[in-house]
Protein backbone atom coordinates (compact mmCIF):
# COMPACT_ATOMS: atom_id res chain seq x y z
CA GLY A 1 -0.39 -12.53 0.28
CA PHE A 2 0.61 -14.18 3.37
CA SER A 3 -0.56 -18.05 3.94
CA GLU A 4 -3.12 -18.69 6.49
CA LYS A 5 -0.73 -19.72 9.09
CA GLU A 6 1.65 -16.74 8.50
CA ALA A 7 -1.52 -14.54 9.05
CA ASP A 8 -2.49 -16.32 12.18
CA ILE A 9 1.15 -15.89 13.46
CA ILE A 10 1.05 -12.23 12.68
CA GLN A 11 -2.46 -11.58 14.00
CA ASP A 12 -1.66 -13.39 17.22
CA VAL A 13 1.48 -11.25 18.12
CA LEU A 14 -0.34 -8.04 17.12
CA LEU A 15 -3.69 -8.82 19.23
CA THR A 16 -1.22 -10.18 22.26
CA SER A 17 0.47 -6.97 22.28
CA ASP A 18 -2.75 -5.12 22.37
CA LEU A 19 -4.09 -7.45 25.15
CA PHE A 20 -0.74 -6.91 27.26
CA GLY A 21 -1.19 -3.10 26.84
CA ILE A 22 1.63 -2.67 24.45
CA GLN A 23 -0.29 -0.73 21.64
CA SER A 24 2.90 0.27 19.93
CA HIS A 25 3.33 -3.14 18.55
CA GLY A 26 -0.30 -3.88 18.52
CA MET A 27 -3.20 -3.64 15.85
CA GLN A 28 -2.32 0.10 15.14
CA ARG A 29 0.71 -1.16 13.26
CA MET A 30 -1.69 -2.36 10.42
CA VAL A 31 -1.54 0.90 8.61
CA ARG A 32 2.15 1.10 8.85
CA TYR A 33 2.58 -2.48 7.66
CA HIS A 34 0.16 -1.98 4.72
CA LYS A 35 2.22 1.18 3.73
CA GLY A 36 5.44 -0.71 3.90
CA ILE A 37 4.14 -3.70 1.76
CA THR A 38 2.68 -1.33 -0.85
CA ASN A 39 5.77 0.57 -1.14
CA GLY A 40 7.99 -2.41 -1.26
CA LEU A 41 9.65 -1.91 2.24
CA ILE A 42 8.28 -5.05 3.37
CA LYS A 43 8.36 -8.31 1.55
CA ILE A 44 5.31 -10.62 1.72
CA ASP A 45 7.17 -13.31 -0.05
CA ALA A 46 10.49 -12.97 2.17
CA LYS A 47 12.05 -16.41 3.22
CA PRO A 48 14.16 -16.24 6.28
CA GLU A 49 17.58 -17.39 5.63
CA ILE A 50 20.01 -19.00 8.28
CA VAL A 51 23.14 -17.38 7.61
CA LYS A 52 25.12 -18.96 10.45
CA GLU A 53 24.26 -21.66 12.93
CA THR A 54 25.93 -23.21 15.71
CA PRO A 55 24.57 -26.00 18.29
CA ILE A 56 23.46 -23.20 20.68
CA SER A 57 22.61 -20.27 18.42
CA ALA A 58 21.72 -18.95 14.79
CA VAL A 59 21.75 -15.72 12.87
CA ILE A 60 18.76 -15.52 10.57
CA ASP A 61 18.65 -12.94 7.74
CA GLY A 62 14.60 -11.90 7.29
CA HIS A 63 14.99 -10.35 3.89
CA ASP A 64 12.73 -7.55 4.86
CA GLY A 65 9.94 -9.76 5.83
CA MET A 66 7.56 -9.47 8.60
CA GLY A 67 9.28 -9.49 12.02
CA GLN A 68 6.37 -11.37 13.64
CA LEU A 69 7.16 -14.41 11.20
CA LEU A 70 10.81 -14.13 11.85
CA GLY A 71 10.44 -13.99 15.57
CA HIS A 72 8.18 -16.96 15.35
CA MET A 73 11.05 -18.99 13.49
CA ALA A 74 13.58 -17.78 15.85
CA MET A 75 11.76 -18.81 18.76
CA GLU A 76 11.15 -22.23 17.47
CA MET A 77 14.77 -22.79 16.82
CA ALA A 78 15.88 -21.55 20.25
CA ILE A 79 13.47 -23.83 21.82
CA GLU A 80 14.73 -26.90 19.78
CA LYS A 81 18.37 -25.65 20.64
CA ALA A 82 17.60 -25.60 24.21
CA LYS A 83 16.50 -29.32 24.24
């Protein structure tokens, strides 16, 4: 399964989406994610890979992992690059 940190990130994104009224990206997606994981479409052990990086940008391959985790990683990289 996901690590506790990964689960916290996913949960935070889903709940925040619901709280902001964006139900299409909230907790209702859990059924879809469960099916995707069960059918092998979503890889719970996926490790994002930096394919290309410059001082101001990066291309990351998520390898079919959870988008919330890739988005979190990408945002952390963007913040560091902005500094």
